[in-house]
Amino acid sequence: MKLSAAERQRQYRARRDADPVRKSENLRKDRERWHKRKNAGQTNEVADLCEREKRYKRRYWREAQQRCRAKRQRLVEMTPPQSPELDPEPQISR
């Protein structure tokens, strides 16, 4: 059966992160990419925002975190309970 794109991506990242050299190289590239974007002005730090934008950004983060927690809670509630363990020796009653 063919894997979905998400499953292929998950497997690739698992293989990449299993090798410490490849993982550190990937992290180094991510840091360089972030510094390049920051120097180009494509990203902003919260400290550089005005007070109104800070409030807006933090409110957005809070609401996103609440949505994430609610979604995780729904997933936990949807999973069926584990089946009870069976006794290794049945008890005989007369």
PDB file of N, CA and C in Angstrom:
ATOM      1  N   MET A   1       0.847  -1.178   0.000  1.00  0.00           N
ATOM      2  CA  MET A   1       0.000   0.000   0.000  1.00  0.00           C
ATOM      3  C   MET A   1       0.892   1.240   0.000  1.00  0.00           C
ATOM      4  N   LYS A   2       0.506   2.222  -0.773  1.00  0.00           N
ATOM      5  CA  LYS A   2       1.285   3.447  -0.861  1.00  0.00           C
ATOM      6  C   LYS A   2       1.139   4.266   0.414  1.00  0.00           C
ATOM      7  N   LEU A   3       2.230   4.947   0.766  1.00  0.00           N
ATOM      8  CA  LEU A   3       2.207   5.815   1.938  1.00  0.00           C
ATOM      9  C   LEU A   3       1.698   7.192   1.535  1.00  0.00           C
ATOM     10  N   SER A   4       1.024   7.836   2.462  1.00  0.00           N
ATOM     11  CA  SER A   4       0.598   9.201   2.203  1.00  0.00           C
ATOM     12  C   SER A   4       1.822  10.110   2.329  1.00  0.00           C
ATOM     13  N   ALA A   5       1.676  11.337   1.895  1.00  0.00           N
ATOM     14  CA  ALA A   5       2.793  12.280   1.946  1.00  0.00           C
ATOM     15  C   ALA A   5       3.209  12.529   3.396  1.00  0.00           C
ATOM     16  N   ALA A   6       2.234  12.598   4.292  1.00  0.00           N
ATOM     17  CA  ALA A   6       2.549  12.836   5.700  1.00  0.00           C
ATOM     18  C   ALA A   6       3.325  11.667   6.287  1.00  0.00           C
ATOM     19  N   GLU A   7       2.946  10.441   5.915  1.00  0.00           N
ATOM     20  CA  GLU A   7       3.652   9.270   6.435  1.00  0.00           C
ATOM     21  C   GLU A   7       5.077   9.203   5.890  1.00  0.00           C
ATOM     22  N   ARG A   8       5.254   9.515   4.596  1.00  0.00           N
ATOM     23  CA  ARG A   8       6.603   9.538   4.026  1.00  0.00           C
ATOM     24  C   ARG A   8       7.458  10.582   4.730  1.00  0.00           C
ATOM     25  N   GLN A   9       6.861  11.743   4.983  1.00  0.00           N
ATOM     26  CA  GLN A   9       7.581  12.821   5.645  1.00  0.00           C
ATOM     27  C   GLN A   9       7.968  12.418   7.065  1.00  0.00           C
ATOM     28  N   ARG A  10       7.041  11.765   7.774  1.00  0.00           N
ATOM     29  CA  ARG A  10       7.323  11.295   9.130  1.00  0.00           C
ATOM     30  C   ARG A  10       8.487  10.306   9.145  1.00  0.00           C
ATOM     31  N   GLN A  11       8.464   9.373   8.191  1.00  0.00           N
ATOM     32  CA  GLN A  11       9.543   8.389   8.114  1.00  0.00           C
ATOM     33  C   GLN A  11      10.876   9.046   7.778  1.00  0.00           C
ATOM     34  N   TYR A  12      10.857  10.008   6.853  1.00  0.00           N
ATOM     35  CA  TYR A  12      12.092  10.698   6.481  1.00  0.00           C
ATOM     36  C   TYR A  12      12.672  11.439   7.678  1.00  0.00           C
ATOM     37  N   ARG A  13      11.825  12.156   8.404  1.00  0.00           N
ATOM     38  CA  ARG A  13      12.310  12.908   9.563  1.00  0.00           C
ATOM     39  C   ARG A  13      12.818  11.988  10.654  1.00  0.00           C
ATOM     40  N   ALA A  14      12.176  10.842  10.832  1.00  0.00           N
ATOM     41  CA  ALA A  14      12.634   9.879  11.835  1.00  0.00           C
ATOM     42  C   ALA A  14      14.024   9.358  11.472  1.00  0.00           C
ATOM     43  N   ARG A  15      14.236   9.036  10.193  1.00  0.00           N
ATOM     44  CA  ARG A  15      15.564   8.572   9.757  1.00  0.00           C
ATOM     45  C   ARG A  15      16.597   9.676   9.918  1.00  0.00           C
ATOM     46  N   ARG A  16      16.213  10.904   9.529  1.00  0.00           N
ATOM     47  CA  ARG A  16      17.141  12.030   9.616  1.00  0.00           C
ATOM     48  C   ARG A  16      17.526  12.306  11.066  1.00  0.00           C
ATOM     49  N   ASP A  17      16.548  12.275  11.963  1.00  0.00           N
ATOM     50  CA  ASP A  17      16.823  12.601  13.360  1.00  0.00           C
ATOM     51  C   ASP A  17      17.487  11.457  14.107  1.00  0.00           C
ATOM     52  N   ALA A  18      17.452  10.242  13.541  1.00  0.00           N
ATOM     53  CA  ALA A  18      18.119   9.114  14.188  1.00  0.00           C
ATOM     54  C   ALA A  18      19.640   9.260  14.094  1.00  0.00           C
ATOM     55  N   ASP A  19      20.120   9.913  13.038  1.00  0.00           N
ATOM     56  CA  ASP A  19      21.556  10.116  12.858  1.00  0.00           C
ATOM     57  C   ASP A  19      21.939  11.454  13.489  1.00  0.00           C
ATOM     58  N   PRO A  20      22.780  11.479  14.535  1.00  0.00           N
ATOM     59  CA  PRO A  20      23.096  12.742  15.213  1.00  0.00           C
ATOM     60  C   PRO A  20      23.790  13.760  14.312  1.00  0.00           C
ATOM     61  N   VAL A  21      24.591  13.291  13.358  1.00  0.00           N
ATOM     62  CA  VAL A  21      25.301  14.220  12.474  1.00  0.00           C
ATOM     63  C   VAL A  21      24.298  14.926  11.558  1.00  0.00           C
ATOM     64  N   ARG A  22      23.395  14.141  10.958  1.00  0.00           N
ATOM     65  CA  ARG A  22      22.399  14.742  10.072  1.00  0.00           C
ATOM     66  C   ARG A  22      21.456  15.656  10.842  1.00  0.00           C
ATOM     67  N   LYS A  23      21.118  15.270  12.070  1.00  0.00           N
ATOM     68  CA  LYS A  23      20.225  16.104  12.879  1.00  0.00           C
ATOM     69  C   LYS A  23      20.870  17.446  13.193  1.00  0.00           C
ATOM     70  N   SER A  24      22.146  17.427  13.612  1.00  0.00           N
ATOM     71  CA  SER A  24      22.828  18.681  13.940  1.00  0.00           C
ATOM     72  C   SER A  24      23.005  19.542  12.694  1.00  0.00           C
ATOM     73  N   GLU A  25      23.263  18.917  11.554  1.00  0.00           N
ATOM     74  CA  GLU A  25      23.388  19.672  10.302  1.00  0.00           C
ATOM     75  C   GLU A  25      22.060  20.327   9.944  1.00  0.00           C
ATOM     76  N   ASN A  26      20.968  19.621  10.113  1.00  0.00           N
ATOM     77  CA  ASN A  26      19.653  20.186   9.821  1.00  0.00           C
ATOM     78  C   ASN A  26      19.337  21.345  10.761  1.00  0.00           C
ATOM     79  N   LEU A  27      19.650  21.198  12.036  1.00  0.00           N
ATOM     80  CA  LEU A  27      19.407  22.280  12.995  1.00  0.00           C
ATOM     81  C   LEU A  27      20.249  23.506  12.653  1.00  0.00           C
ATOM     82  N   ARG A  28      21.496  23.278  12.218  1.00  0.00           N
ATOM     83  CA  ARG A  28      22.373  24.390  11.839  1.00  0.00           C
ATOM     84  C   ARG A  28      21.767  25.126  10.634  1.00  0.00           C
ATOM     85  N   LYS A  29      21.266  24.378   9.650  1.00  0.00           N
ATOM     86  CA  LYS A  29      20.655  25.006   8.479  1.00  0.00           C
ATOM     87  C   LYS A  29      19.407  25.801   8.862  1.00  0.00           C
ATOM     88  N   ASP A  30      18.617  25.265   9.790  1.00  0.00           N
ATOM     89  CA  ASP A  30      17.423  25.981  10.252  1.00  0.00           C
ATOM     90  C   ASP A  30      17.799  27.303  10.910  1.00  0.00           C
ATOM     91  N   ARG A  31      18.839  27.270  11.733  1.00  0.00           N
ATOM     92  CA  ARG A  31      19.287  28.504  12.391  1.00  0.00           C
ATOM     93  C   ARG A  31      19.768  29.526  11.362  1.00  0.00           C
ATOM     94  N   GLU A  32      20.542  29.068  10.367  1.00  0.00           N
ATOM     95  CA  GLU A  32      21.020  29.981   9.325  1.00  0.00           C
ATOM     96  C   GLU A  32      19.854  30.580   8.551  1.00  0.00           C
ATOM     97  N   ARG A  33      18.865  29.748   8.237  1.00  0.00           N
ATOM     98  CA  ARG A  33      17.692  30.219   7.500  1.00  0.00           C
ATOM     99  C   ARG A  33      16.952  31.280   8.319  1.00  0.00           C
ATOM    100  N   TRP A  34      16.823  31.043   9.630  1.00  0.00           N
ATOM    101  CA  TRP A  34      16.130  32.017  10.476  1.00  0.00           C
ATOM    102  C   TRP A  34      16.901  33.322  10.547  1.00  0.00           C
ATOM    103  N   HIS A  35      18.239  33.259  10.712  1.00  0.00           N
ATOM    104  CA  HIS A  35      19.044  34.488  10.773  1.00  0.00           C
ATOM    105  C   HIS A  35      18.958  35.262   9.456  1.00  0.00           C
ATOM    106  N   LYS A  36      18.959  34.539   8.344  1.00  0.00           N
ATOM    107  CA  LYS A  36      18.859  35.196   7.043  1.00  0.00           C
ATOM    108  C   LYS A  36      17.528  35.919   6.911  1.00  0.00           C
ATOM    109  N   ARG A  37      16.427  35.265   7.306  1.00  0.00           N
ATOM    110  CA  ARG A  37      15.111  35.896   7.236  1.00  0.00           C
ATOM    111  C   ARG A  37      15.010  37.077   8.194  1.00  0.00           C
ATOM    112  N   LYS A  38      15.623  36.944   9.372  1.00  0.00           N
ATOM    113  CA  LYS A  38      15.572  38.021  10.357  1.00  0.00           C
ATOM    114  C   LYS A  38      16.320  39.247   9.844  1.00  0.00           C
ATOM    115  N   ASN A  39      17.498  39.018   9.264  1.00  0.00           N
ATOM    116  CA  ASN A  39      18.278  40.140   8.732  1.00  0.00           C
ATOM    117  C   ASN A  39      17.611  40.783   7.522  1.00  0.00           C
ATOM    118  N   ALA A  40      16.824  40.023   6.780  1.00  0.00           N
ATOM    119  CA  ALA A  40      16.107  40.564   5.625  1.00  0.00           C
ATOM    120  C   ALA A  40      14.843  41.311   6.053  1.00  0.00           C
ATOM    121  N   GLY A  41      14.469  41.220   7.329  1.00  0.00           N
ATOM    122  CA  GLY A  41      13.290  41.923   7.819  1.00  0.00           C
ATOM    123  C   GLY A  41      11.999  41.161   7.603  1.00  0.00           C
ATOM    124  N   GLN A  42      12.084  39.873   7.312  1.00  0.00           N
ATOM    125  CA  GLN A  42      10.872  39.093   7.074  1.00  0.00           C
ATOM    126  C   GLN A  42      10.240  38.600   8.370  1.00  0.00           C
ATOM    127  N   THR A  43      10.994  38.579   9.452  1.00  0.00           N
ATOM    128  CA  THR A  43      10.445  38.164  10.741  1.00  0.00           C
ATOM    129  C   THR A  43      10.688  39.263  11.764  1.00  0.00           C
ATOM    130  N   ASN A  44       9.845  39.311  12.767  1.00  0.00           N
ATOM    131  CA  ASN A  44       9.974  40.308  13.825  1.00  0.00           C
ATOM    132  C   ASN A  44      10.023  39.616  15.169  1.00  0.00           C
ATOM    133  N   GLU A  45      10.779  40.179  16.087  1.00  0.00           N
ATOM    134  CA  GLU A  45      10.742  39.703  17.458  1.00  0.00           C
ATOM    135  C   GLU A  45       9.633  40.445  18.173  1.00  0.00           C
ATOM    136  N   VAL A  46       9.097  39.848  19.210  1.00  0.00           N
ATOM    137  CA  VAL A  46       8.009  40.484  19.948  1.00  0.00           C
ATOM    138  C   VAL A  46       8.505  41.775  20.591  1.00  0.00           C
ATOM    139  N   ALA A  47       9.763  41.801  21.004  1.00  0.00           N
ATOM    140  CA  ALA A  47      10.312  43.002  21.639  1.00  0.00           C
ATOM    141  C   ALA A  47      10.318  44.187  20.681  1.00  0.00           C
ATOM    142  N   ASP A  48      10.368  43.934  19.383  1.00  0.00           N
ATOM    143  CA  ASP A  48      10.405  45.020  18.403  1.00  0.00           C
ATOM    144  C   ASP A  48       9.020  45.544  18.036  1.00  0.00           C
ATOM    145  N   LEU A  49       7.966  44.864  18.468  1.00  0.00           N
ATOM    146  CA  LEU A  49       6.609  45.279  18.128  1.00  0.00           C
ATOM    147  C   LEU A  49       6.145  46.397  19.049  1.00  0.00           C
ATOM    148  N   CYS A  50       5.152  47.165  18.590  1.00  0.00           N
ATOM    149  CA  CYS A  50       4.554  48.167  19.461  1.00  0.00           C
ATOM    150  C   CYS A  50       3.624  47.455  20.449  1.00  0.00           C
ATOM    151  N   GLU A  51       3.196  48.153  21.486  1.00  0.00           N
ATOM    152  CA  GLU A  51       2.402  47.541  22.554  1.00  0.00           C
ATOM    153  C   GLU A  51       1.104  46.930  22.027  1.00  0.00           C
ATOM    154  N   ARG A  52       0.459  47.612  21.106  1.00  0.00           N
ATOM    155  CA  ARG A  52      -0.797  47.101  20.567  1.00  0.00           C
ATOM    156  C   ARG A  52      -0.568  45.795  19.806  1.00  0.00           C
ATOM    157  N   GLU A  53       0.491  45.747  18.988  1.00  0.00           N
ATOM    158  CA  GLU A  53       0.795  44.530  18.250  1.00  0.00           C
ATOM    159  C   GLU A  53       1.210  43.400  19.186  1.00  0.00           C
ATOM    160  N   LYS A  54       1.909  43.740  20.288  1.00  0.00           N
ATOM    161  CA  LYS A  54       2.287  42.722  21.277  1.00  0.00           C
ATOM    162  C   LYS A  54       1.047  42.088  21.881  1.00  0.00           C
ATOM    163  N   ARG A  55       0.080  42.923  22.271  1.00  0.00           N
ATOM    164  CA  ARG A  55      -1.155  42.391  22.850  1.00  0.00           C
ATOM    165  C   ARG A  55      -1.878  41.497  21.858  1.00  0.00           C
ATOM    166  N   TYR A  56      -1.950  41.941  20.601  1.00  0.00           N
ATOM    167  CA  TYR A  56      -2.629  41.159  19.571  1.00  0.00           C
ATOM    168  C   TYR A  56      -1.937  39.817  19.365  1.00  0.00           C
ATOM    169  N   LYS A  57      -0.618  39.829  19.261  1.00  0.00           N
ATOM    170  CA  LYS A  57       0.158  38.606  19.016  1.00  0.00           C
ATOM    171  C   LYS A  57       0.021  37.641  20.194  1.00  0.00           C
ATOM    172  N   ARG A  58       0.103  38.152  21.411  1.00  0.00           N
ATOM    173  CA  ARG A  58       0.006  37.288  22.591  1.00  0.00           C
ATOM    174  C   ARG A  58      -1.397  36.717  22.732  1.00  0.00           C
ATOM    175  N   ARG A  59      -2.414  37.529  22.404  1.00  0.00           N
ATOM    176  CA  ARG A  59      -3.778  37.013  22.442  1.00  0.00           C
ATOM    177  C   ARG A  59      -3.950  35.910  21.410  1.00  0.00           C
ATOM    178  N   TYR A  60      -3.379  36.071  20.227  1.00  0.00           N
ATOM    179  CA  TYR A  60      -3.432  35.049  19.185  1.00  0.00           C
ATOM    180  C   TYR A  60      -2.769  33.768  19.676  1.00  0.00           C
ATOM    181  N   TRP A  61      -1.601  33.890  20.336  1.00  0.00           N
ATOM    182  CA  TRP A  61      -0.894  32.712  20.857  1.00  0.00           C
ATOM    183  C   TRP A  61      -1.732  31.991  21.910  1.00  0.00           C
ATOM    184  N   ARG A  62      -2.361  32.780  22.827  1.00  0.00           N
ATOM    185  CA  ARG A  62      -3.194  32.164  23.867  1.00  0.00           C
ATOM    186  C   ARG A  62      -4.348  31.391  23.256  1.00  0.00           C
ATOM    187  N   GLU A  63      -5.037  32.007  22.290  1.00  0.00           N
ATOM    188  CA  GLU A  63      -6.186  31.344  21.669  1.00  0.00           C
ATOM    189  C   GLU A  63      -5.747  30.105  20.883  1.00  0.00           C
ATOM    190  N   ALA A  64      -4.603  30.182  20.217  1.00  0.00           N
ATOM    191  CA  ALA A  64      -4.111  29.028  19.475  1.00  0.00           C
ATOM    192  C   ALA A  64      -3.768  27.889  20.434  1.00  0.00           C
ATOM    193  N   GLN A  65      -3.183  28.228  21.586  1.00  0.00           N
ATOM    194  CA  GLN A  65      -2.851  27.213  22.579  1.00  0.00           C
ATOM    195  C   GLN A  65      -4.115  26.576  23.145  1.00  0.00           C
ATOM    196  N   GLN A  66      -5.151  27.379  23.368  1.00  0.00           N
ATOM    197  CA  GLN A  66      -6.417  26.837  23.859  1.00  0.00           C
ATOM    198  C   GLN A  66      -7.035  25.881  22.842  1.00  0.00           C
ATOM    199  N   ARG A  67      -6.987  26.258  21.551  1.00  0.00           N
ATOM    200  CA  ARG A  67      -7.510  25.374  20.502  1.00  0.00           C
ATOM    201  C   ARG A  67      -6.719  24.067  20.463  1.00  0.00           C
ATOM    202  N   CYS A  68      -5.414  24.161  20.599  1.00  0.00           N
ATOM    203  CA  CYS A  68      -4.565  22.969  20.560  1.00  0.00           C
ATOM    204  C   CYS A  68      -4.881  22.048  21.736  1.00  0.00           C
ATOM    205  N   ARG A  69      -5.033  22.612  22.921  1.00  0.00           N
ATOM    206  CA  ARG A  69      -5.345  21.802  24.104  1.00  0.00           C
ATOM    207  C   ARG A  69      -6.724  21.161  23.980  1.00  0.00           C
ATOM    208  N   ALA A  70      -7.693  21.908  23.447  1.00  0.00           N
ATOM    209  CA  ALA A  70      -9.040  21.353  23.277  1.00  0.00           C
ATOM    210  C   ALA A  70      -9.026  20.214  22.268  1.00  0.00           C
ATOM    211  N   LYS A  71      -8.277  20.380  21.194  1.00  0.00           N
ATOM    212  CA  LYS A  71      -8.184  19.329  20.185  1.00  0.00           C
ATOM    213  C   LYS A  71      -7.536  18.083  20.763  1.00  0.00           C
ATOM    214  N   ARG A  72      -6.468  18.254  21.538  1.00  0.00           N
ATOM    215  CA  ARG A  72      -5.796  17.119  22.160  1.00  0.00           C
ATOM    216  C   ARG A  72      -6.726  16.417  23.140  1.00  0.00           C
ATOM    217  N   GLN A  73      -7.523  17.186  23.877  1.00  0.00           N
ATOM    218  CA  GLN A  73      -8.470  16.605  24.832  1.00  0.00           C
ATOM    219  C   GLN A  73      -9.549  15.813  24.106  1.00  0.00           C
ATOM    220  N   ARG A  74     -10.025  16.326  22.956  1.00  0.00           N
ATOM    221  CA  ARG A  74     -11.024  15.592  22.176  1.00  0.00           C
ATOM    222  C   ARG A  74     -10.456  14.265  21.681  1.00  0.00           C
ATOM    223  N   LEU A  75      -9.200  14.259  21.274  1.00  0.00           N
ATOM    224  CA  LEU A  75      -8.571  13.020  20.817  1.00  0.00           C
ATOM    225  C   LEU A  75      -8.469  12.008  21.948  1.00  0.00           C
ATOM    226  N   VAL A  76      -8.151  12.475  23.147  1.00  0.00           N
ATOM    227  CA  VAL A  76      -8.052  11.577  24.297  1.00  0.00           C
ATOM    228  C   VAL A  76      -9.417  10.990  24.627  1.00  0.00           C
ATOM    229  N   GLU A  77     -10.448  11.814  24.534  1.00  0.00           N
ATOM    230  CA  GLU A  77     -11.794  11.339  24.847  1.00  0.00           C
ATOM    231  C   GLU A  77     -12.308  10.356  23.798  1.00  0.00           C
ATOM    232  N   MET A  78     -11.830  10.471  22.552  1.00  0.00           N
ATOM    233  CA  MET A  78     -12.311   9.606  21.483  1.00  0.00           C
ATOM    234  C   MET A  78     -11.677   8.220  21.524  1.00  0.00           C
ATOM    235  N   THR A  79     -10.498   8.089  22.107  1.00  0.00           N
ATOM    236  CA  THR A  79      -9.837   6.789  22.104  1.00  0.00           C
ATOM    237  C   THR A  79     -10.597   5.837  23.018  1.00  0.00           C
ATOM    238  N   PRO A  80     -10.817   4.619  22.579  1.00  0.00           N
ATOM    239  CA  PRO A  80     -11.566   3.672  23.406  1.00  0.00           C
ATOM    240  C   PRO A  80     -10.717   3.207  24.592  1.00  0.00           C
ATOM    241  N   PRO A  81     -11.366   2.846  25.688  1.00  0.00           N
ATOM    242  CA  PRO A  81     -10.600   2.362  26.846  1.00  0.00           C
ATOM    243  C   PRO A  81      -9.961   1.017  26.531  1.00  0.00           C
ATOM    244  N   GLN A  82      -8.882   0.722  27.239  1.00  0.00           N
ATOM    245  CA  GLN A  82      -8.195  -0.541  27.021  1.00  0.00           C
ATOM    246  C   GLN A  82      -9.051  -1.683  27.552  1.00  0.00           C
ATOM    247  N   SER A  83      -8.923  -2.821  26.892  1.00  0.00           N
ATOM    248  CA  SER A  83      -9.686  -3.977  27.335  1.00  0.00           C
ATOM    249  C   SER A  83      -9.069  -4.502  28.632  1.00  0.00           C
ATOM    250  N   PRO A  84      -9.897  -5.032  29.518  1.00  0.00           N
ATOM    251  CA  PRO A  84      -9.356  -5.511  30.791  1.00  0.00           C
ATOM    252  C   PRO A  84      -8.466  -6.734  30.586  1.00  0.00           C
ATOM    253  N   GLU A  85      -7.511  -6.874  31.473  1.00  0.00           N
ATOM    254  CA  GLU A  85      -6.606  -8.023  31.428  1.00  0.00           C
ATOM    255  C   GLU A  85      -7.391  -9.283  31.803  1.00  0.00           C
ATOM    256  N   LEU A  86      -7.142 -10.359  31.115  1.00  0.00           N
ATOM    257  CA  LEU A  86      -7.791 -11.620  31.413  1.00  0.00           C
ATOM    258  C   LEU A  86      -6.970 -12.356  32.470  1.00  0.00           C
ATOM    259  N   ASP A  87      -7.657 -12.994  33.405  1.00  0.00           N
ATOM    260  CA  ASP A  87      -6.943 -13.761  34.420  1.00  0.00           C
ATOM    261  C   ASP A  87      -6.293 -14.976  33.764  1.00  0.00           C
ATOM    262  N   PRO A  88      -5.066 -15.324  34.157  1.00  0.00           N
ATOM    263  CA  PRO A  88      -4.412 -16.448  33.518  1.00  0.00           C
ATOM    264  C   PRO A  88      -5.083 -17.778  33.873  1.00  0.00           C
ATOM    265  N   GLU A  89      -5.634 -17.898  35.085  1.00  0.00           N
ATOM    266  CA  GLU A  89      -6.325 -19.123  35.497  1.00  0.00           C
ATOM    267  C   GLU A  89      -7.768 -18.795  35.825  1.00  0.00           C
ATOM    268  N   PRO A  90      -8.689 -19.408  35.110  1.00  0.00           N
ATOM    269  CA  PRO A  90     -10.096 -19.157  35.446  1.00  0.00           C
ATOM    270  C   PRO A  90     -10.450 -19.806  36.783  1.00  0.00           C
ATOM    271  N   GLN A  91     -11.249 -19.097  37.556  1.00  0.00           N
ATOM    272  CA  GLN A  91     -11.655 -19.640  38.850  1.00  0.00           C
ATOM    273  C   GLN A  91     -12.916 -20.482  38.649  1.00  0.00           C
ATOM    274  N   ILE A  92     -12.905 -21.651  39.238  1.00  0.00           N
ATOM    275  CA  ILE A  92     -14.053 -22.555  39.136  1.00  0.00           C
ATOM    276  C   ILE A  92     -14.816 -22.497  40.440  1.00  0.00           C
ATOM    277  N   SER A  93     -16.083 -22.232  40.339  1.00  0.00           N
ATOM    278  CA  SER A  93     -16.915 -22.187  41.538  1.00  0.00           C
ATOM    279  C   SER A  93     -17.971 -23.287  41.441  1.00  0.00           C
ATOM    280  N   ARG A  94     -18.256 -23.896  42.562  1.00  0.00           N
ATOM    281  CA  ARG A  94     -19.244 -24.966  42.552  1.00  0.00           C
ATOM    282  C   ARG A  94     -20.373 -24.656  43.465  1.00  0.00           C
TER     283      ARG A  94
END
